[in-house]
Amino acid sequence: MIVLNRRAFLGAALCAAAMPLRAQSASSYPNGRPVRLIVPYTPGGGTDSVARAIAAKITGDTGWSVVVENRPGAGGNIGMDFVAKAKPDGFMLGLGQTANLAINPALMAKMPFDPEKDFEAVALIASLPVVLVVKASARWKTLGDLVKDARAEPGAIKQALAGSGTVGHLAGELLAYQARFEVLNVPYRGAAPALNDLLGESTDYMFATPQAAQEMLKGKVLRPLAVTSRTRLSILPDVPTVAESGFEGFEAVDWKALVAPAGTPSEVVNAINGVVEKVLADPATVAMFKAEGSTPMGGSPAAAQRYIQQEQQKWARLIREANIKTAN
């Protein structure tokens, strides 16, 4: 239901936002050539649905042909490498995220591309926090309770991971680093098996996306202890942030950003950014993202570039100082 709502809201918003670009479609760009939008994940997920909604509306309302291609694998690295090595002529875009643009470069020993040099930031789309959850019957009622026991029992309390290098993984590492306890990571191939084992008490806690955990939270089989955004989520108003639970400045969010190969013409970058900026300001889009716990971002290409660089530096510093390794 959330995927369908995302498409509907983004579709309506993009229809209005893209109208000023109709006249530009008659200019030399794109001149009938298709613009490829690479999604570095499998079809059907949140990133894929956002990409397809954007592509469909830009195609319909500007005359451009924007074609989505899924190139999953290696935590998003395969798809983003394809974008990085493409010709910077304005006909290639990628929808990157925190993991493949900011975490993987510092966590992995080798990267097929340089995220700091190989891309032009086009637009920030939205950010989504993760939620620290435990089984409803767990003895911990607050984040402070969990931290107290984790300090008292080094390595005994286990964190479930939806995957190595995810925001959930690094949120857990950041908490362990700031709270000064030893974290024992148990990686899984996705959120569903990780949550299943959490309910089966094979693990003790997990940082999960609101979408992955929402039905279990509604069914009260999971208990939320904290969210990783700077402010509380409207969909979980009674759940404190990690920051207000005693860890000032804590923030760990999964953001999405449109990028293009380095050297892509600025007029193309600015044109696409203009469309996205209007979409994100539309009340329907704001409401859609709010309903799932996301926050629209927006801003200029330069602002997007600065934000991505700050995130790269933040996660690289944590990975280096905490000596974090891939949880394989």
Protein backbone atom coordinates (compact mmCIF):
# COMPACT_ATOMS: atom_id res chain seq x y z
CA MET A 1 0.00 0.00 0.00
CA ILE A 2 2.85 2.41 0.76
CA VAL A 3 4.45 1.83 -2.65
CA LEU A 4 1.18 2.57 -4.40
CA ASN A 5 0.68 5.73 -2.36
CA ARG A 6 4.20 6.88 -3.13
CA ARG A 7 3.58 6.50 -6.83
CA ALA A 8 0.24 8.27 -6.66
CA PHE A 9 1.50 11.22 -4.65
CA LEU A 10 4.70 11.66 -6.63
CA GLY A 11 2.77 11.30 -9.85
CA ALA A 12 0.36 14.10 -8.99
CA ALA A 13 3.11 16.35 -7.72
CA LEU A 14 5.42 15.80 -10.67
CA CYS A 15 2.61 16.51 -13.13
CA ALA A 16 2.42 20.07 -11.85
CA ALA A 17 6.12 20.54 -11.23
CA ALA A 18 7.33 19.43 -14.63
CA MET A 19 5.11 21.72 -16.73
CA PRO A 20 7.64 24.61 -17.04
CA LEU A 21 10.10 22.22 -18.68
CA ARG A 22 7.78 21.35 -21.58
CA ALA A 23 9.17 24.21 -23.63
CA GLN A 24 12.72 23.08 -22.94
CA SER A 25 12.01 19.64 -24.43
CA ALA A 26 12.02 21.23 -27.87
CA SER A 27 15.58 22.49 -27.41
CA SER A 28 18.74 20.55 -28.20
CA TYR A 29 18.41 18.54 -24.97
CA PRO A 30 17.37 15.78 -24.90
CA ASN A 31 16.33 15.96 -28.57
CA GLY A 32 14.40 12.70 -28.47
CA ARG A 33 17.14 10.64 -26.89
CA PRO A 34 16.22 8.59 -23.80
CA VAL A 35 17.60 9.60 -20.41
CA ARG A 36 18.54 6.52 -18.39
CA LEU A 37 17.89 6.45 -14.65
CA ILE A 38 19.83 3.68 -12.91
CA VAL A 39 18.41 2.13 -9.72
CA PRO A 40 21.19 0.12 -8.01
CA TYR A 41 18.67 -2.19 -6.32
CA THR A 42 16.11 -4.79 -7.34
CA PRO A 43 12.64 -3.85 -8.66
CA GLY A 44 9.79 -3.38 -6.23
CA GLY A 45 11.55 -1.64 -3.35
CA GLY A 46 11.19 1.93 -2.13
CA THR A 47 14.06 3.29 -4.21
CA ASP A 48 12.74 1.61 -7.33
CA SER A 49 9.20 2.92 -6.92
CA VAL A 50 10.37 6.50 -6.37
CA ALA A 51 12.58 6.28 -9.45
CA ARG A 52 9.78 4.90 -11.63
CA ALA A 53 7.32 7.57 -10.49
CA ILE A 54 9.80 10.31 -11.31
CA ALA A 55 10.67 8.79 -14.68
CA ALA A 56 7.06 8.31 -15.73
CA LYS A 57 5.99 11.85 -14.93
CA ILE A 58 9.00 13.57 -16.45
CA THR A 59 8.42 11.53 -19.60
CA GLY A 60 4.74 12.37 -19.72
CA ASP A 61 4.93 16.03 -18.82
CA THR A 62 8.09 17.26 -20.50
CA GLY A 63 8.35 15.12 -23.61
CA TRP A 64 11.57 13.59 -22.36
CA SER A 65 11.95 9.83 -22.38
CA VAL A 66 13.30 8.74 -18.99
CA VAL A 67 13.90 4.99 -18.75
CA VAL A 68 14.52 3.23 -15.41
CA GLU A 69 17.07 0.41 -15.34
CA ASN A 70 17.71 -1.83 -12.33
CA ARG A 71 21.33 -2.84 -11.84
CA PRO A 72 21.47 -4.37 -8.34
CA GLY A 73 24.36 -5.96 -6.50
CA ALA A 74 27.26 -5.34 -4.11
CA GLY A 75 25.29 -3.03 -1.83
CA GLY A 76 24.44 -0.72 -4.72
CA ASN A 77 28.00 -0.51 -6.00
CA ILE A 78 27.34 -2.25 -9.33
CA GLY A 79 24.67 0.20 -10.42
CA MET A 80 26.51 3.27 -9.18
CA ASP A 81 29.71 2.14 -10.89
CA PHE A 82 27.77 1.91 -14.15
CA VAL A 83 26.67 5.53 -13.68
CA ALA A 84 30.14 6.70 -12.68
CA LYS A 85 31.70 5.30 -15.85
CA ALA A 86 29.01 6.53 -18.24
CA LYS A 87 29.58 9.35 -20.68
CA PRO A 88 28.76 12.68 -18.95
CA ASP A 89 26.47 13.90 -21.70
CA GLY A 90 23.28 14.38 -19.70
CA PHE A 91 21.69 11.06 -20.60
CA MET A 92 22.61 9.08 -17.48
CA LEU A 93 21.37 9.50 -13.89
CA GLY A 94 21.59 7.32 -10.80
CA LEU A 95 19.53 7.20 -7.62
CA GLY A 96 22.13 6.78 -4.91
CA GLN A 97 21.75 6.39 -1.15
CA THR A 98 23.66 6.72 2.09
CA ALA A 99 25.09 3.20 1.83
CA ASN A 100 26.57 3.33 -1.67
CA LEU A 101 27.63 6.98 -1.66
CA ALA A 102 28.81 7.49 1.92
CA ILE A 103 29.19 4.24 3.88
CA ASN A 104 30.58 1.69 1.41
CA PRO A 105 33.56 3.86 0.40
CA ALA A 106 34.90 3.81 3.96
CA LEU A 107 33.73 0.34 4.94
CA MET A 108 34.90 -1.64 1.91
CA ALA A 109 38.55 -2.26 1.18
CA LYS A 110 38.08 -1.69 -2.55
CA MET A 111 35.52 0.39 -4.45
CA PRO A 112 34.96 0.30 -8.21
CA PHE A 113 34.37 4.07 -8.26
CA ASP A 114 35.30 7.18 -6.28
CA PRO A 115 32.06 8.67 -4.89
CA GLU A 116 33.79 11.95 -4.09
CA LYS A 117 35.06 12.55 -7.65
CA ASP A 118 32.95 10.48 -10.04
CA PHE A 119 29.52 12.10 -9.60
CA GLU A 120 27.72 15.41 -9.96
CA ALA A 121 25.05 15.84 -7.30
CA VAL A 122 21.72 16.69 -8.94
CA ALA A 123 19.16 16.72 -6.13
CA LEU A 124 18.54 15.41 -2.63
CA ILE A 125 15.22 13.55 -2.52
CA ALA A 126 14.33 12.50 1.04
CA SER A 127 15.75 11.12 4.27
CA LEU A 128 14.42 8.22 6.31
CA PRO A 129 15.54 7.32 9.85
CA VAL A 130 15.65 3.85 11.35
CA VAL A 131 13.95 2.70 14.53
CA LEU A 132 15.60 0.74 17.34
CA VAL A 133 13.19 -2.11 18.08
CA VAL A 134 13.13 -5.01 20.52
CA LYS A 135 10.64 -7.82 21.02
CA ALA A 136 7.61 -6.56 22.95
CA SER A 137 8.31 -9.01 25.76
CA ALA A 138 11.95 -7.91 26.12
CA ARG A 139 13.09 -6.63 29.51
CA TRP A 140 14.20 -3.27 28.09
CA LYS A 141 11.64 -0.48 28.28
CA THR A 142 13.97 2.36 27.24
CA LEU A 143 17.17 2.84 25.28
CA GLY A 144 18.90 3.54 28.59
CA ASP A 145 17.90 0.09 29.85
CA LEU A 146 19.41 -1.58 26.79
CA VAL A 147 22.62 0.42 26.97
CA LYS A 148 23.02 -0.37 30.68
CA ASP A 149 22.82 -4.12 30.06
CA ALA A 150 25.03 -3.93 26.97
CA ARG A 151 27.75 -2.26 29.04
CA ALA A 152 27.38 -4.83 31.81
CA GLU A 153 27.50 -7.80 29.41
CA PRO A 154 30.13 -7.02 26.74
CA GLY A 155 29.38 -8.90 23.53
CA ALA A 156 26.45 -10.83 25.02
CA ILE A 157 23.66 -8.68 23.55
CA LYS A 158 23.22 -9.25 19.81
CA GLN A 159 22.16 -6.78 17.13
CA ALA A 160 20.34 -8.08 14.04
CA LEU A 161 21.34 -6.48 10.73
CA ALA A 162 19.27 -6.31 7.55
CA GLY A 163 22.65 -6.26 5.79
CA SER A 164 26.24 -5.20 6.23
CA GLY A 165 26.92 -1.57 5.42
CA THR A 166 23.30 -0.48 5.75
CA VAL A 167 22.23 2.58 7.71
CA GLY A 168 20.78 0.23 10.31
CA HIS A 169 24.18 -1.43 10.69
CA LEU A 170 26.03 1.85 11.05
CA ALA A 171 23.38 3.34 13.35
CA GLY A 172 24.05 0.43 15.70
CA GLU A 173 27.79 0.95 15.43
CA LEU A 174 27.39 4.67 16.10
CA LEU A 175 25.31 3.99 19.19
CA ALA A 176 27.80 1.42 20.49
CA TYR A 177 30.66 3.86 19.88
CA GLN A 178 28.96 6.78 21.63
CA ALA A 179 27.57 4.66 24.47
CA ARG A 180 30.86 2.78 24.86
CA PHE A 181 29.70 -0.80 24.69
CA GLU A 182 30.69 -3.75 22.54
CA VAL A 183 28.20 -4.65 19.80
CA LEU A 184 27.85 -8.19 18.44
CA ASN A 185 26.41 -8.00 14.92
CA VAL A 186 24.39 -10.81 13.34
CA PRO A 187 23.91 -10.06 9.61
CA TYR A 188 20.99 -11.31 7.51
CA ARG A 189 20.00 -11.10 3.86
CA GLY A 190 17.31 -8.49 4.31
CA ALA A 191 15.01 -7.04 6.95
CA ALA A 192 12.41 -9.83 6.95
CA PRO A 193 14.68 -12.68 8.15
CA ALA A 194 16.39 -10.31 10.59
CA LEU A 195 13.07 -9.33 12.16
CA ASN A 196 11.90 -12.94 12.23
CA ASP A 197 14.95 -13.98 14.23
CA LEU A 198 14.50 -10.99 16.51
CA LEU A 199 11.01 -12.24 17.30
CA GLY A 200 12.44 -15.73 17.77
CA GLU A 201 14.92 -14.28 20.30
CA SER A 202 17.99 -15.36 18.34
CA THR A 203 18.99 -11.68 18.55
CA ASP A 204 18.12 -8.89 20.98
CA TYR A 205 17.57 -5.66 19.05
CA MET A 206 17.62 -4.14 15.58
CA PHE A 207 17.64 -0.79 13.84
CA ALA A 208 14.89 -1.26 11.25
CA THR A 209 13.23 1.07 8.75
CA PRO A 210 9.73 2.22 9.74
CA GLN A 211 8.29 0.42 6.69
CA ALA A 212 9.90 -2.90 7.60
CA ALA A 213 8.78 -2.78 11.21
CA GLN A 214 5.46 -0.95 10.98
CA GLU A 215 3.10 -3.94 10.92
CA MET A 216 4.90 -5.56 13.86
CA LEU A 217 4.80 -2.27 15.74
CA LYS A 218 1.08 -1.91 15.06
CA GLY A 219 0.55 -5.49 16.18
CA LYS A 220 2.55 -4.74 19.33
CA VAL A 221 4.89 -7.67 18.85
CA LEU A 222 7.79 -5.20 18.65
CA ARG A 223 8.57 -2.34 21.01
CA PRO A 224 10.25 0.81 19.64
CA LEU A 225 12.87 2.32 21.93
CA ALA A 226 14.23 5.21 19.85
CA VAL A 227 14.39 6.74 16.37
CA THR A 228 17.59 7.97 14.73
CA SER A 229 16.32 11.25 13.27
CA ARG A 230 16.98 14.60 14.93
CA THR A 231 13.30 15.04 15.73
CA ARG A 232 10.55 12.59 16.59
CA LEU A 233 8.56 10.97 13.81
CA SER A 234 4.94 11.99 13.38
CA ILE A 235 4.06 8.32 12.83
CA LEU A 236 5.73 7.42 16.15
CA PRO A 237 5.19 10.55 18.25
CA ASP A 238 5.70 8.82 21.60
CA VAL A 239 9.06 7.32 20.66
CA PRO A 240 12.04 9.48 21.69
CA THR A 241 15.02 10.13 19.49
CA VAL A 242 18.39 8.60 20.31
CA ALA A 243 19.67 12.15 20.81
CA GLU A 244 17.09 13.00 23.46
CA SER A 245 17.70 9.65 25.12
CA GLY A 246 21.13 10.81 26.23
CA PHE A 247 23.25 10.88 23.06
CA GLU A 248 23.31 14.47 21.92
CA GLY A 249 23.83 15.06 18.20
CA PHE A 250 23.05 11.47 17.22
CA GLU A 251 21.61 11.14 13.73
CA ALA A 252 21.63 8.29 11.22
CA VAL A 253 19.34 8.52 8.20
CA ASP A 254 18.99 6.77 4.88
CA TRP A 255 18.87 9.52 2.26
CA LYS A 256 18.28 9.26 -1.48
CA ALA A 257 20.00 11.51 -4.00
CA LEU A 258 19.94 11.88 -7.77
CA VAL A 259 23.47 11.97 -9.19
CA ALA A 260 25.00 12.09 -12.66
CA PRO A 261 28.49 11.26 -13.97
CA ALA A 262 31.09 13.91 -13.18
CA GLY A 263 31.22 16.48 -15.95
CA THR A 264 27.52 16.35 -16.84
CA PRO A 265 26.47 19.76 -18.26
CA SER A 266 25.29 22.15 -15.57
CA GLU A 267 22.21 23.16 -17.57
CA VAL A 268 20.99 19.58 -17.49
CA VAL A 269 21.73 19.23 -13.79
CA ASN A 270 19.88 22.46 -13.04
CA ALA A 271 16.88 21.53 -15.19
CA ILE A 272 16.35 18.22 -13.42
CA ASN A 273 16.94 19.82 -10.03
CA GLY A 274 14.26 22.40 -10.81
CA VAL A 275 11.69 19.68 -11.44
CA VAL A 276 12.56 17.78 -8.27
CA GLU A 277 12.59 20.94 -6.14
CA LYS A 278 9.01 21.75 -7.09
CA VAL A 279 7.91 18.17 -6.54
CA LEU A 280 9.34 18.09 -3.01
CA ALA A 281 7.64 21.37 -2.11
CA ASP A 282 4.24 20.08 -3.20
CA PRO A 283 1.94 19.44 -0.18
CA ALA A 284 0.93 16.02 -1.56
CA THR A 285 4.54 14.91 -1.73
CA VAL A 286 5.25 16.24 1.76
CA ALA A 287 2.23 14.33 3.10
CA MET A 288 3.26 11.14 1.32
CA PHE A 289 6.77 11.15 2.73
CA LYS A 290 5.50 12.12 6.18
CA ALA A 291 3.13 9.14 6.21
CA GLU A 292 6.03 6.70 5.87
CA GLY A 293 8.39 8.55 8.18
CA SER A 294 10.49 10.25 5.49
CA THR A 295 11.33 13.94 5.20
CA PRO A 296 11.63 15.68 1.79
CA MET A 297 15.04 17.29 1.38
CA GLY A 298 15.51 19.33 -1.80
CA GLY A 299 17.87 22.24 -2.28
CA SER A 300 20.29 23.21 -5.02
CA PRO A 301 22.81 20.89 -6.67
CA ALA A 302 25.57 22.66 -4.74
CA ALA A 303 23.74 22.09 -1.45
CA ALA A 304 23.29 18.42 -2.36
CA GLN A 305 27.00 18.11 -3.10
CA ARG A 306 27.91 19.63 0.27
CA TYR A 307 25.51 17.37 2.15
CA ILE A 308 26.83 14.22 0.50
CA GLN A 309 30.41 15.25 1.26
CA GLN A 310 29.52 15.87 4.92
CA GLU A 311 27.91 12.44 5.15
CA GLN A 312 30.96 10.81 3.55
CA GLN A 313 33.22 12.46 6.11
CA LYS A 314 30.93 11.59 9.03
CA TRP A 315 30.69 7.88 8.29
CA ALA A 316 34.35 7.57 7.30
CA ARG A 317 35.35 9.09 10.63
CA LEU A 318 33.14 6.68 12.60
CA ILE A 319 34.34 3.65 10.64
CA ARG A 320 37.97 4.65 11.15
CA GLU A 321 37.76 5.59 14.84
CA ALA A 322 35.57 2.64 15.85
CA ASN A 323 37.52 0.24 13.64
CA ILE A 324 34.29 -1.05 12.07
CA LYS A 325 34.53 -3.99 9.70
CA THR A 326 31.97 -5.54 7.36
CA ALA A 327 29.66 -7.83 9.29
CA ASN A 328 30.03 -10.95 7.16
